[in-house]
Amino acid sequence: MTGGPVLAVDQGTSGTKALVLCPRRGVLGSGTAPVRPRHLPGGRVEADPAELYGSVVAAGRAALADAGVPVVAAGLANQGETVLAWDPATGAPLTDALVWQDRRASGICAELAPRQEELAELTGIPVDPYFAAPKMAWIRRHATGAGVVTTSDAWLVHRLTGAFVTDAATAGRTGLLDPAAVAWSAPALDLYGLGGERLPRIADCDEPVGTTTAFGPPLPLTGLVVDQQAALLAQSATAPGAAKCTYGTGAFLLARTGPLPRRTTTGLVGCVAWRLRGRTEHCLDGQVYTVASAVRWLTDLGVIGGARDLDAVGGSVPDSGGVSFVPALAGLAAPWWRG
């Protein structure tokens, strides 16, 4: 199975990208499909779950059509901290998806400020609306108590295969995982008011979790991982201490740290990098929420015509006149954590 082409799908914030990859011949086909999150007053950012799933199917089918060859398996990377409530019996969404940029859970984080050191020690994750746990708590408090509330990957995998799973790397981004045991943390769940919730089984990132026919012929879904850790795995899997920085809607600097969880006092996040064949690797993560989304903001304001104008406009003046632009449009993440 591992010697043939595979379909790799990355479900992102503003679009889904898919590639057909061959171990010998490289990229054989590609496909994309847009996603249009809604930016609402009060720092709210939502996405239509149906659009997320539809983009996965559309991009995957387009990549397969472009390649024109059969594939032996599929893998899915995901946004990580985007959450929704849904009905596990039918798969129907019960809420919109709260995107990782959404800030509506700031009040819940403020309530938990006295427990933030305890939660960081339990999970390695700061108390911040960026992460899944506060948004999941907000849904339970203000939207619905029905169904299950999970990160978006668990819902997508359920739609694709019927399984109820998440991968170890995505679970590590929730703020609800004990990173040493790679198991849900009952104390963290209780602190967030999520005790007793039905949560997905935590799978290895390279574990077959089911079969999907969403892309045409039946395909085993054999790879699950959160997007930034997927990039780290692809770019520095064999080099402990190597770091990568990926630029997209935001920018994320990750460095692999080895088989044991790491804590820092410098504002970085310690989390699971991946778990492959039962072996867990950990990483440190520094987040910048607003990168390409700042370019889109400047474009919407009419300051520039698009990303292609950045060098031309920047090069048209001798200096910035002492002015710095800090694109904290969704707050400051690492190392400051100022929403």
C-alpha atoms as a PDB file:
ATOM      1  CA  MET A   1       0.000   0.000   0.000  1.00  0.00           C
ATOM      2  CA  THR A   2       2.703   2.465   0.954  1.00  0.00           C
ATOM      3  CA  GLY A   3       4.409   2.259  -2.426  1.00  0.00           C
ATOM      4  CA  GLY A   4       1.542   3.719  -4.472  1.00  0.00           C
ATOM      5  CA  PRO A   5       0.235   7.255  -4.917  1.00  0.00           C
ATOM      6  CA  VAL A   6      -1.768   8.775  -2.056  1.00  0.00           C
ATOM      7  CA  LEU A   7      -4.272  11.613  -1.780  1.00  0.00           C
ATOM      8  CA  ALA A   8      -3.216  14.266   0.758  1.00  0.00           C
ATOM      9  CA  VAL A   9      -5.858  16.831   1.759  1.00  0.00           C
ATOM     10  CA  ASP A  10      -5.169  19.966   3.839  1.00  0.00           C
ATOM     11  CA  GLN A  11      -8.357  21.589   5.125  1.00  0.00           C
ATOM     12  CA  GLY A  12      -7.294  25.169   5.934  1.00  0.00           C
ATOM     13  CA  THR A  13      -8.794  28.429   7.126  1.00  0.00           C
ATOM     14  CA  SER A  14      -9.370  30.058   3.753  1.00  0.00           C
ATOM     15  CA  GLY A  15      -9.315  27.022   1.510  1.00  0.00           C
ATOM     16  CA  THR A  16      -8.655  23.331   1.100  1.00  0.00           C
ATOM     17  CA  LYS A  17      -5.718  22.047  -0.900  1.00  0.00           C
ATOM     18  CA  ALA A  18      -5.228  18.503  -2.144  1.00  0.00           C
ATOM     19  CA  LEU A  19      -2.302  16.735  -3.790  1.00  0.00           C
ATOM     20  CA  VAL A  20      -1.839  13.305  -5.306  1.00  0.00           C
ATOM     21  CA  LEU A  21       1.646  12.294  -4.255  1.00  0.00           C
ATOM     22  CA  CYS A  22       3.778   9.420  -5.500  1.00  0.00           C
ATOM     23  CA  PRO A  23       6.847   8.285  -3.522  1.00  0.00           C
ATOM     24  CA  ARG A  24       8.781   7.957  -6.785  1.00  0.00           C
ATOM     25  CA  ARG A  25       7.352  10.605  -9.112  1.00  0.00           C
ATOM     26  CA  GLY A  26       6.362  13.359  -6.690  1.00  0.00           C
ATOM     27  CA  VAL A  27       3.222  15.458  -7.220  1.00  0.00           C
ATOM     28  CA  LEU A  28       0.959  13.944  -9.872  1.00  0.00           C
ATOM     29  CA  GLY A  29      -2.107  16.142  -9.438  1.00  0.00           C
ATOM     30  CA  SER A  30      -3.522  18.995  -7.368  1.00  0.00           C
ATOM     31  CA  GLY A  31      -6.837  20.605  -6.536  1.00  0.00           C
ATOM     32  CA  THR A  32      -8.103  23.511  -4.459  1.00  0.00           C
ATOM     33  CA  ALA A  33     -11.443  24.728  -3.168  1.00  0.00           C
ATOM     34  CA  PRO A  34     -12.106  28.027  -1.353  1.00  0.00           C
ATOM     35  CA  VAL A  35     -13.487  28.486   2.155  1.00  0.00           C
ATOM     36  CA  ARG A  36     -14.953  31.837   3.144  1.00  0.00           C
ATOM     37  CA  PRO A  37     -15.013  32.350   6.918  1.00  0.00           C
ATOM     38  CA  ARG A  38     -17.313  35.106   8.147  1.00  0.00           C
ATOM     39  CA  HIS A  39     -15.716  37.892  10.202  1.00  0.00           C
ATOM     40  CA  LEU A  40     -18.361  39.302  12.527  1.00  0.00           C
ATOM     41  CA  PRO A  41     -18.450  42.028  15.199  1.00  0.00           C
ATOM     42  CA  GLY A  42     -16.874  41.261  18.547  1.00  0.00           C
ATOM     43  CA  GLY A  43     -13.934  39.311  17.124  1.00  0.00           C
ATOM     44  CA  ARG A  44     -16.141  36.449  15.965  1.00  0.00           C
ATOM     45  CA  VAL A  45     -14.996  34.295  13.055  1.00  0.00           C
ATOM     46  CA  GLU A  46     -17.291  31.521  11.835  1.00  0.00           C
ATOM     47  CA  ALA A  47     -17.340  29.031   8.983  1.00  0.00           C
ATOM     48  CA  ASP A  48     -20.160  26.967   7.509  1.00  0.00           C
ATOM     49  CA  PRO A  49     -19.393  23.306   8.340  1.00  0.00           C
ATOM     50  CA  ALA A  50     -21.006  22.212   5.083  1.00  0.00           C
ATOM     51  CA  GLU A  51     -18.574  24.444   3.212  1.00  0.00           C
ATOM     52  CA  LEU A  52     -15.624  22.899   5.075  1.00  0.00           C
ATOM     53  CA  TYR A  53     -16.710  19.380   4.154  1.00  0.00           C
ATOM     54  CA  GLY A  54     -17.657  20.369   0.608  1.00  0.00           C
ATOM     55  CA  SER A  55     -14.221  21.916   0.089  1.00  0.00           C
ATOM     56  CA  VAL A  56     -12.528  18.684   1.204  1.00  0.00           C
ATOM     57  CA  VAL A  57     -14.532  16.648  -1.281  1.00  0.00           C
ATOM     58  CA  ALA A  58     -14.142  19.156  -4.110  1.00  0.00           C
ATOM     59  CA  ALA A  59     -10.386  19.604  -3.685  1.00  0.00           C
ATOM     60  CA  GLY A  60      -9.804  15.870  -3.319  1.00  0.00           C
ATOM     61  CA  ARG A  61     -11.838  14.986  -6.388  1.00  0.00           C
ATOM     62  CA  ALA A  62     -10.112  17.717  -8.409  1.00  0.00           C
ATOM     63  CA  ALA A  63      -6.669  16.409  -7.450  1.00  0.00           C
ATOM     64  CA  LEU A  64      -7.625  12.864  -8.402  1.00  0.00           C
ATOM     65  CA  ALA A  65      -9.015  14.038 -11.734  1.00  0.00           C
ATOM     66  CA  ASP A  66      -5.869  16.052 -12.400  1.00  0.00           C
ATOM     67  CA  ALA A  67      -3.625  13.080 -11.613  1.00  0.00           C
ATOM     68  CA  GLY A  68      -5.639  10.537 -13.562  1.00  0.00           C
ATOM     69  CA  VAL A  69      -4.172   7.636 -11.607  1.00  0.00           C
ATOM     70  CA  PRO A  70      -5.638   5.455  -8.845  1.00  0.00           C
ATOM     71  CA  VAL A  71      -4.462   6.088  -5.288  1.00  0.00           C
ATOM     72  CA  VAL A  72      -4.080   3.599  -2.449  1.00  0.00           C
ATOM     73  CA  ALA A  73      -4.913   5.774   0.582  1.00  0.00           C
ATOM     74  CA  ALA A  74      -5.916   9.245   1.766  1.00  0.00           C
ATOM     75  CA  GLY A  75      -4.700  11.533   4.541  1.00  0.00           C
ATOM     76  CA  LEU A  76      -6.211  14.639   6.108  1.00  0.00           C
ATOM     77  CA  ALA A  77      -4.570  17.656   7.747  1.00  0.00           C
ATOM     78  CA  ASN A  78      -6.771  20.136   9.598  1.00  0.00           C
ATOM     79  CA  GLN A  79      -6.999  23.653  11.045  1.00  0.00           C
ATOM     80  CA  GLY A  80      -6.463  22.404  14.580  1.00  0.00           C
ATOM     81  CA  GLU A  81      -8.340  24.736  16.899  1.00  0.00           C
ATOM     82  CA  THR A  82     -11.606  25.218  14.961  1.00  0.00           C
ATOM     83  CA  VAL A  83     -14.568  23.659  16.794  1.00  0.00           C
ATOM     84  CA  LEU A  84     -18.275  22.883  16.383  1.00  0.00           C
ATOM     85  CA  ALA A  85     -21.085  20.909  17.982  1.00  0.00           C
ATOM     86  CA  TRP A  86     -22.678  18.115  15.964  1.00  0.00           C
ATOM     87  CA  ASP A  87     -25.014  15.155  16.215  1.00  0.00           C
ATOM     88  CA  PRO A  88     -23.015  11.907  16.348  1.00  0.00           C
ATOM     89  CA  ALA A  89     -26.050   9.888  15.228  1.00  0.00           C
ATOM     90  CA  THR A  90     -26.612  11.780  11.986  1.00  0.00           C
ATOM     91  CA  GLY A  91     -23.435  13.819  11.514  1.00  0.00           C
ATOM     92  CA  ALA A  92     -25.528  16.995  11.220  1.00  0.00           C
ATOM     93  CA  PRO A  93     -23.853  20.179  12.514  1.00  0.00           C
ATOM     94  CA  LEU A  94     -25.601  21.800  15.489  1.00  0.00           C
ATOM     95  CA  THR A  95     -23.582  25.036  15.322  1.00  0.00           C
ATOM     96  CA  ASP A  96     -21.419  26.875  12.859  1.00  0.00           C
ATOM     97  CA  ALA A  97     -17.699  26.184  13.154  1.00  0.00           C
ATOM     98  CA  LEU A  98     -15.917  28.625  15.456  1.00  0.00           C
ATOM     99  CA  VAL A  99     -12.657  29.296  13.615  1.00  0.00           C
ATOM    100  CA  TRP A 100      -9.354  29.351  15.499  1.00  0.00           C
ATOM    101  CA  GLN A 101      -9.206  33.148  15.123  1.00  0.00           C
ATOM    102  CA  ASP A 102     -12.537  33.577  16.959  1.00  0.00           C
ATOM    103  CA  ARG A 103     -12.261  35.580  20.205  1.00  0.00           C
ATOM    104  CA  ARG A 104     -15.737  35.115  21.701  1.00  0.00           C
ATOM    105  CA  ALA A 105     -14.400  32.874  24.472  1.00  0.00           C
ATOM    106  CA  SER A 106     -12.296  35.708  25.927  1.00  0.00           C
ATOM    107  CA  GLY A 107     -14.695  36.020  28.873  1.00  0.00           C
ATOM    108  CA  ILE A 108     -14.307  32.343  29.740  1.00  0.00           C
ATOM    109  CA  CYS A 109     -10.540  32.739  29.590  1.00  0.00           C
ATOM    110  CA  ALA A 110     -10.755  35.751  31.930  1.00  0.00           C
ATOM    111  CA  GLU A 111     -12.736  33.654  34.420  1.00  0.00           C
ATOM    112  CA  LEU A 112     -10.035  30.984  34.283  1.00  0.00           C
ATOM    113  CA  ALA A 113      -7.140  33.418  34.724  1.00  0.00           C
ATOM    114  CA  PRO A 114      -6.590  32.331  38.370  1.00  0.00           C
ATOM    115  CA  ARG A 115      -6.195  28.723  37.155  1.00  0.00           C
ATOM    116  CA  GLN A 116      -4.069  29.417  34.092  1.00  0.00           C
ATOM    117  CA  GLU A 117      -0.809  28.185  35.636  1.00  0.00           C
ATOM    118  CA  GLU A 118      -2.533  24.968  36.714  1.00  0.00           C
ATOM    119  CA  LEU A 119      -3.987  24.426  33.255  1.00  0.00           C
ATOM    120  CA  ALA A 120      -0.667  25.166  31.569  1.00  0.00           C
ATOM    121  CA  GLU A 121       0.996  22.593  33.809  1.00  0.00           C
ATOM    122  CA  LEU A 122      -1.721  20.028  33.073  1.00  0.00           C
ATOM    123  CA  THR A 123      -1.812  20.482  29.318  1.00  0.00           C
ATOM    124  CA  GLY A 124       1.127  22.654  28.182  1.00  0.00           C
ATOM    125  CA  ILE A 125      -1.420  25.023  26.607  1.00  0.00           C
ATOM    126  CA  PRO A 126      -2.079  28.643  27.683  1.00  0.00           C
ATOM    127  CA  VAL A 127      -5.600  29.802  28.536  1.00  0.00           C
ATOM    128  CA  ASP A 128      -6.418  31.721  25.354  1.00  0.00           C
ATOM    129  CA  PRO A 129      -9.434  31.856  22.988  1.00  0.00           C
ATOM    130  CA  TYR A 130      -7.216  30.609  20.168  1.00  0.00           C
ATOM    131  CA  PHE A 131      -7.272  27.078  21.544  1.00  0.00           C
ATOM    132  CA  ALA A 132     -10.190  24.693  21.269  1.00  0.00           C
ATOM    133  CA  ALA A 133     -11.147  24.219  24.941  1.00  0.00           C
ATOM    134  CA  PRO A 134     -12.432  27.764  25.647  1.00  0.00           C
ATOM    135  CA  LYS A 135     -14.463  27.754  22.421  1.00  0.00           C
ATOM    136  CA  MET A 136     -15.892  24.331  23.245  1.00  0.00           C
ATOM    137  CA  ALA A 137     -16.862  25.669  26.692  1.00  0.00           C
ATOM    138  CA  TRP A 138     -18.471  28.727  25.058  1.00  0.00           C
ATOM    139  CA  ILE A 139     -20.580  26.505  22.806  1.00  0.00           C
ATOM    140  CA  ARG A 140     -21.766  24.498  25.800  1.00  0.00           C
ATOM    141  CA  ARG A 141     -22.553  27.615  27.804  1.00  0.00           C
ATOM    142  CA  HIS A 142     -24.112  29.806  25.115  1.00  0.00           C
ATOM    143  CA  ALA A 143     -25.092  27.716  22.058  1.00  0.00           C
ATOM    144  CA  THR A 144     -26.165  24.119  22.706  1.00  0.00           C
ATOM    145  CA  GLY A 145     -25.753  21.260  25.132  1.00  0.00           C
ATOM    146  CA  ALA A 146     -26.774  18.685  22.539  1.00  0.00           C
ATOM    147  CA  GLY A 147     -24.621  16.253  20.590  1.00  0.00           C
ATOM    148  CA  VAL A 148     -20.844  16.310  20.883  1.00  0.00           C
ATOM    149  CA  VAL A 149     -18.488  19.280  20.701  1.00  0.00           C
ATOM    150  CA  THR A 150     -15.139  18.626  19.015  1.00  0.00           C
ATOM    151  CA  THR A 151     -12.482  20.063  16.791  1.00  0.00           C
ATOM    152  CA  SER A 152     -13.464  20.208  13.126  1.00  0.00           C
ATOM    153  CA  ASP A 153     -11.286  17.244  12.136  1.00  0.00           C
ATOM    154  CA  ALA A 154     -13.354  14.807  14.210  1.00  0.00           C
ATOM    155  CA  TRP A 155     -16.500  15.941  12.395  1.00  0.00           C
ATOM    156  CA  LEU A 156     -14.836  15.754   8.979  1.00  0.00           C
ATOM    157  CA  VAL A 157     -13.513  12.256   9.663  1.00  0.00           C
ATOM    158  CA  HIS A 158     -16.964  11.180  10.859  1.00  0.00           C
ATOM    159  CA  ARG A 159     -18.520  12.509   7.650  1.00  0.00           C
ATOM    160  CA  LEU A 160     -15.860  10.722   5.595  1.00  0.00           C
ATOM    161  CA  THR A 161     -15.736   7.361   7.396  1.00  0.00           C
ATOM    162  CA  GLY A 162     -18.241   7.205  10.264  1.00  0.00           C
ATOM    163  CA  ALA A 163     -15.389   6.961  12.811  1.00  0.00           C
ATOM    164  CA  PHE A 164     -15.280   9.103  15.968  1.00  0.00           C
ATOM    165  CA  VAL A 165     -11.588   9.909  16.295  1.00  0.00           C
ATOM    166  CA  THR A 166      -9.060  12.702  16.430  1.00  0.00           C
ATOM    167  CA  ASP A 167      -5.303  12.394  16.113  1.00  0.00           C
ATOM    168  CA  ALA A 168      -2.800  12.879  18.917  1.00  0.00           C
ATOM    169  CA  ALA A 169      -1.383  16.114  17.473  1.00  0.00           C
ATOM    170  CA  THR A 170      -4.800  17.760  17.092  1.00  0.00           C
ATOM    171  CA  ALA A 171      -5.852  16.588  20.555  1.00  0.00           C
ATOM    172  CA  GLY A 172      -2.708  18.221  21.897  1.00  0.00           C
ATOM    173  CA  ARG A 173      -3.902  21.611  20.592  1.00  0.00           C
ATOM    174  CA  THR A 174      -7.195  21.581  22.469  1.00  0.00           C
ATOM    175  CA  GLY A 175      -5.988  22.469  25.976  1.00  0.00           C
ATOM    176  CA  LEU A 176      -7.629  19.258  27.202  1.00  0.00           C
ATOM    177  CA  LEU A 177      -4.861  16.699  26.661  1.00  0.00           C
ATOM    178  CA  ASP A 178      -2.393  15.317  29.182  1.00  0.00           C
ATOM    179  CA  PRO A 179       0.660  15.424  26.877  1.00  0.00           C
ATOM    180  CA  ALA A 180       2.689  12.896  28.859  1.00  0.00           C
ATOM    181  CA  ALA A 181      -0.044  10.244  28.785  1.00  0.00           C
ATOM    182  CA  VAL A 182      -1.480  11.398  25.409  1.00  0.00           C
ATOM    183  CA  ALA A 183      -4.922  11.001  26.995  1.00  0.00           C
ATOM    184  CA  TRP A 184      -7.746  13.380  27.816  1.00  0.00           C
ATOM    185  CA  SER A 185      -7.108  15.212  31.097  1.00  0.00           C
ATOM    186  CA  ALA A 186     -10.059  14.865  33.484  1.00  0.00           C
ATOM    187  CA  PRO A 187      -8.875  17.814  35.662  1.00  0.00           C
ATOM    188  CA  ALA A 188      -8.581  20.097  32.621  1.00  0.00           C
ATOM    189  CA  LEU A 189     -12.005  19.031  31.366  1.00  0.00           C
ATOM    190  CA  ASP A 190     -13.509  19.816  34.757  1.00  0.00           C
ATOM    191  CA  LEU A 191     -11.856  23.249  34.923  1.00  0.00           C
ATOM    192  CA  TYR A 192     -13.317  24.150  31.526  1.00  0.00           C
ATOM    193  CA  GLY A 193     -16.758  22.860  32.537  1.00  0.00           C
ATOM    194  CA  LEU A 194     -16.513  20.012  30.037  1.00  0.00           C
ATOM    195  CA  GLY A 195     -16.404  17.072  32.438  1.00  0.00           C
ATOM    196  CA  GLY A 196     -18.531  14.189  31.211  1.00  0.00           C
ATOM    197  CA  GLU A 197     -18.298  15.194  27.559  1.00  0.00           C
ATOM    198  CA  ARG A 198     -18.074  12.405  25.005  1.00  0.00           C
ATOM    199  CA  LEU A 199     -14.747  13.002  23.280  1.00  0.00           C
ATOM    200  CA  PRO A 200     -13.260  11.242  20.252  1.00  0.00           C
ATOM    201  CA  ARG A 201     -10.784   8.412  20.548  1.00  0.00           C
ATOM    202  CA  ILE A 202      -7.201   9.609  20.167  1.00  0.00           C
ATOM    203  CA  ALA A 203      -5.566   7.852  17.221  1.00  0.00           C
ATOM    204  CA  ASP A 204      -1.981   7.708  16.037  1.00  0.00           C
ATOM    205  CA  CYS A 205      -1.272  10.061  13.156  1.00  0.00           C
ATOM    206  CA  ASP A 206      -0.481   7.116  10.876  1.00  0.00           C
ATOM    207  CA  GLU A 207      -3.324   4.858  11.983  1.00  0.00           C
ATOM    208  CA  PRO A 208      -5.997   3.614   9.546  1.00  0.00           C
ATOM    209  CA  VAL A 209      -9.287   4.958  10.950  1.00  0.00           C
ATOM    210  CA  GLY A 210     -11.809   3.937   8.305  1.00  0.00           C
ATOM    211  CA  THR A 211     -12.723   3.924   4.635  1.00  0.00           C
ATOM    212  CA  THR A 212     -14.255   6.768   2.640  1.00  0.00           C
ATOM    213  CA  THR A 213     -16.074   6.839  -0.686  1.00  0.00           C
ATOM    214  CA  ALA A 214     -16.345  10.649  -0.713  1.00  0.00           C
ATOM    215  CA  PHE A 215     -13.712  10.949  -3.444  1.00  0.00           C
ATOM    216  CA  GLY A 216     -15.042   8.124  -5.625  1.00  0.00           C
ATOM    217  CA  PRO A 217     -13.701   4.597  -5.145  1.00  0.00           C
ATOM    218  CA  PRO A 218     -13.310   3.334  -1.547  1.00  0.00           C
ATOM    219  CA  LEU A 219     -10.119   4.669   0.032  1.00  0.00           C
ATOM    220  CA  PRO A 220      -8.648   3.900   3.455  1.00  0.00           C
ATOM    221  CA  LEU A 221      -8.079   7.045   5.526  1.00  0.00           C
ATOM    222  CA  THR A 222      -4.667   6.312   6.998  1.00  0.00           C
ATOM    223  CA  GLY A 223      -3.227   9.674   8.045  1.00  0.00           C
ATOM    224  CA  LEU A 224      -4.522  12.399  10.376  1.00  0.00           C
ATOM    225  CA  VAL A 225      -2.509  15.342  11.721  1.00  0.00           C
ATOM    226  CA  VAL A 226      -2.947  19.010  12.573  1.00  0.00           C
ATOM    227  CA  ASP A 227      -1.653  21.341   9.854  1.00  0.00           C
ATOM    228  CA  GLN A 228       1.391  22.920  11.495  1.00  0.00           C
ATOM    229  CA  GLN A 229       2.695  19.642  12.875  1.00  0.00           C
ATOM    230  CA  ALA A 230       2.177  18.143   9.428  1.00  0.00           C
ATOM    231  CA  ALA A 231       4.512  20.792   8.027  1.00  0.00           C
ATOM    232  CA  LEU A 232       7.073  20.094  10.766  1.00  0.00           C
ATOM    233  CA  LEU A 233       6.899  16.365  10.037  1.00  0.00           C
ATOM    234  CA  ALA A 234       7.389  16.952   6.322  1.00  0.00           C
ATOM    235  CA  GLN A 235      10.248  19.409   6.702  1.00  0.00           C
ATOM    236  CA  SER A 236      12.270  18.240   9.706  1.00  0.00           C
ATOM    237  CA  ALA A 237      11.071  14.798  10.734  1.00  0.00           C
ATOM    238  CA  THR A 238      14.553  13.368  11.226  1.00  0.00           C
ATOM    239  CA  ALA A 239      16.268  16.380  12.835  1.00  0.00           C
ATOM    240  CA  PRO A 240      15.629  16.922  16.574  1.00  0.00           C
ATOM    241  CA  GLY A 241      15.766  20.622  17.344  1.00  0.00           C
ATOM    242  CA  ALA A 242      15.162  21.663  13.730  1.00  0.00           C
ATOM    243  CA  ALA A 243      12.509  24.342  13.338  1.00  0.00           C
ATOM    244  CA  LYS A 244      10.174  25.432  10.585  1.00  0.00           C
ATOM    245  CA  CYS A 245       8.021  28.515  10.123  1.00  0.00           C
ATOM    246  CA  THR A 246       4.980  28.224   7.887  1.00  0.00           C
ATOM    247  CA  TYR A 247       3.337  31.382   6.533  1.00  0.00           C
ATOM    248  CA  GLY A 248      -0.375  31.374   5.783  1.00  0.00           C
ATOM    249  CA  THR A 249      -3.347  33.116   7.388  1.00  0.00           C
ATOM    250  CA  GLY A 250      -1.026  33.216  10.409  1.00  0.00           C
ATOM    251  CA  ALA A 251       2.585  32.152  10.920  1.00  0.00           C
ATOM    252  CA  PHE A 252       3.669  29.300  13.152  1.00  0.00           C
ATOM    253  CA  LEU A 253       7.213  28.508  14.249  1.00  0.00           C
ATOM    254  CA  LEU A 254       7.601  24.934  15.517  1.00  0.00           C
ATOM    255  CA  ALA A 255      10.652  23.101  16.806  1.00  0.00           C
ATOM    256  CA  ARG A 256      10.742  19.411  17.630  1.00  0.00           C
ATOM    257  CA  THR A 257      11.911  18.683  21.190  1.00  0.00           C
ATOM    258  CA  GLY A 258      11.891  14.894  21.557  1.00  0.00           C
ATOM    259  CA  PRO A 259       9.836  12.154  23.227  1.00  0.00           C
ATOM    260  CA  LEU A 260       9.029  14.005  26.472  1.00  0.00           C
ATOM    261  CA  PRO A 261       6.791  17.063  26.994  1.00  0.00           C
ATOM    262  CA  ARG A 262       8.624  20.356  27.469  1.00  0.00           C
ATOM    263  CA  ARG A 263       7.543  23.426  29.421  1.00  0.00           C
ATOM    264  CA  THR A 264       9.012  26.907  28.963  1.00  0.00           C
ATOM    265  CA  THR A 265       8.803  30.200  30.825  1.00  0.00           C
ATOM    266  CA  THR A 266       9.164  32.219  27.637  1.00  0.00           C
ATOM    267  CA  GLY A 267       5.583  32.097  26.366  1.00  0.00           C
ATOM    268  CA  LEU A 268       5.994  29.263  23.879  1.00  0.00           C
ATOM    269  CA  VAL A 269       3.509  26.398  23.736  1.00  0.00           C
ATOM    270  CA  GLY A 270       4.607  22.847  24.464  1.00  0.00           C
ATOM    271  CA  CYS A 271       2.484  20.239  22.696  1.00  0.00           C
ATOM    272  CA  VAL A 272       2.420  16.912  20.897  1.00  0.00           C
ATOM    273  CA  ALA A 273       4.107  17.009  17.509  1.00  0.00           C
ATOM    274  CA  TRP A 274       2.794  13.609  16.397  1.00  0.00           C
ATOM    275  CA  ARG A 275       2.376  10.014  17.476  1.00  0.00           C
ATOM    276  CA  LEU A 276       3.527   7.484  14.891  1.00  0.00           C
ATOM    277  CA  ARG A 277       3.245   3.723  15.491  1.00  0.00           C
ATOM    278  CA  GLY A 278       2.726   4.410  19.183  1.00  0.00           C
ATOM    279  CA  ARG A 279       5.799   6.658  19.539  1.00  0.00           C
ATOM    280  CA  THR A 280       5.099  10.246  20.587  1.00  0.00           C
ATOM    281  CA  GLU A 281       7.245  13.260  19.694  1.00  0.00           C
ATOM    282  CA  HIS A 282       6.729  16.707  21.199  1.00  0.00           C
ATOM    283  CA  CYS A 283       7.435  20.238  20.003  1.00  0.00           C
ATOM    284  CA  LEU A 284       7.487  23.879  21.022  1.00  0.00           C
ATOM    285  CA  ASP A 285       5.282  26.284  19.093  1.00  0.00           C
ATOM    286  CA  GLY A 286       5.312  30.049  18.652  1.00  0.00           C
ATOM    287  CA  GLN A 287       2.205  31.570  17.069  1.00  0.00           C
ATOM    288  CA  VAL A 288       1.540  34.763  15.092  1.00  0.00           C
ATOM    289  CA  TYR A 289      -2.179  34.988  14.401  1.00  0.00           C
ATOM    290  CA  THR A 290      -2.224  37.575  11.618  1.00  0.00           C
ATOM    291  CA  VAL A 291       0.097  37.319   8.610  1.00  0.00           C
ATOM    292  CA  ALA A 292      -1.519  36.760   5.206  1.00  0.00           C
ATOM    293  CA  SER A 293      -4.809  37.896   6.746  1.00  0.00           C
ATOM    294  CA  ALA A 294      -3.141  41.288   7.371  1.00  0.00           C
ATOM    295  CA  VAL A 295      -2.320  41.494   3.662  1.00  0.00           C
ATOM    296  CA  ARG A 296      -5.960  40.771   2.872  1.00  0.00           C
ATOM    297  CA  TRP A 297      -7.003  43.481   5.375  1.00  0.00           C
ATOM    298  CA  LEU A 298      -4.713  46.052   3.729  1.00  0.00           C
ATOM    299  CA  THR A 299      -6.082  45.014   0.342  1.00  0.00           C
ATOM    300  CA  ASP A 300      -9.691  45.374   1.520  1.00  0.00           C
ATOM    301  CA  LEU A 301      -8.850  48.880   2.780  1.00  0.00           C
ATOM    302  CA  GLY A 302      -7.422  49.776  -0.642  1.00  0.00           C
ATOM    303  CA  VAL A 303      -3.912  50.433   0.717  1.00  0.00           C
ATOM    304  CA  ILE A 304      -2.493  47.871  -1.719  1.00  0.00           C
ATOM    305  CA  GLY A 305      -3.927  45.968  -4.636  1.00  0.00           C
ATOM    306  CA  GLY A 306      -2.811  42.593  -3.317  1.00  0.00           C
ATOM    307  CA  ALA A 307       0.182  40.670  -2.052  1.00  0.00           C
ATOM    308  CA  ARG A 308       2.040  41.296  -5.315  1.00  0.00           C
ATOM    309  CA  ASP A 309       2.192  45.027  -4.424  1.00  0.00           C
ATOM    310  CA  LEU A 310       4.038  44.594  -1.125  1.00  0.00           C
ATOM    311  CA  ASP A 311       7.580  44.755  -2.499  1.00  0.00           C
ATOM    312  CA  ALA A 312       6.797  47.539  -4.961  1.00  0.00           C
ATOM    313  CA  VAL A 313       5.095  49.732  -2.346  1.00  0.00           C
ATOM    314  CA  GLY A 314       7.703  48.979   0.300  1.00  0.00           C
ATOM    315  CA  GLY A 315      10.529  49.768  -2.097  1.00  0.00           C
ATOM    316  CA  SER A 316       9.027  53.083  -3.182  1.00  0.00           C
ATOM    317  CA  VAL A 317      10.090  54.905   0.011  1.00  0.00           C
ATOM    318  CA  PRO A 318      13.495  55.182   1.730  1.00  0.00           C
ATOM    319  CA  ASP A 319      12.207  54.012   5.126  1.00  0.00           C
ATOM    320  CA  SER A 320       9.082  53.744   7.269  1.00  0.00           C
ATOM    321  CA  GLY A 321       9.490  57.124   8.909  1.00  0.00           C
ATOM    322  CA  GLY A 322       9.747  55.492  12.314  1.00  0.00           C
ATOM    323  CA  VAL A 323       6.353  53.806  12.006  1.00  0.00           C
ATOM    324  CA  SER A 324       5.890  50.106  12.784  1.00  0.00           C
ATOM    325  CA  PHE A 325       2.803  48.100  11.854  1.00  0.00           C
ATOM    326  CA  VAL A 326       2.086  45.343  14.372  1.00  0.00           C
ATOM    327  CA  PRO A 327      -0.746  43.257  12.879  1.00  0.00           C
ATOM    328  CA  ALA A 328      -2.338  42.282  16.194  1.00  0.00           C
ATOM    329  CA  LEU A 329      -5.759  42.194  14.557  1.00  0.00           C
ATOM    330  CA  ALA A 330      -6.650  39.010  16.465  1.00  0.00           C
ATOM    331  CA  GLY A 331      -4.490  39.829  19.503  1.00  0.00           C
ATOM    332  CA  LEU A 332      -0.898  38.922  20.267  1.00  0.00           C
ATOM    333  CA  ALA A 333      -0.065  35.249  20.690  1.00  0.00           C
ATOM    334  CA  ALA A 334       3.374  33.883  21.649  1.00  0.00           C
ATOM    335  CA  PRO A 335       5.108  35.056  23.679  1.00  0.00           C
ATOM    336  CA  TRP A 336       2.771  37.780  24.940  1.00  0.00           C
ATOM    337  CA  TRP A 337      -0.698  36.170  25.005  1.00  0.00           C
ATOM    338  CA  ARG A 338      -2.558  39.475  24.970  1.00  0.00           C
ATOM    339  CA  GLY A 339      -5.967  39.109  23.370  1.00  0.00           C
END
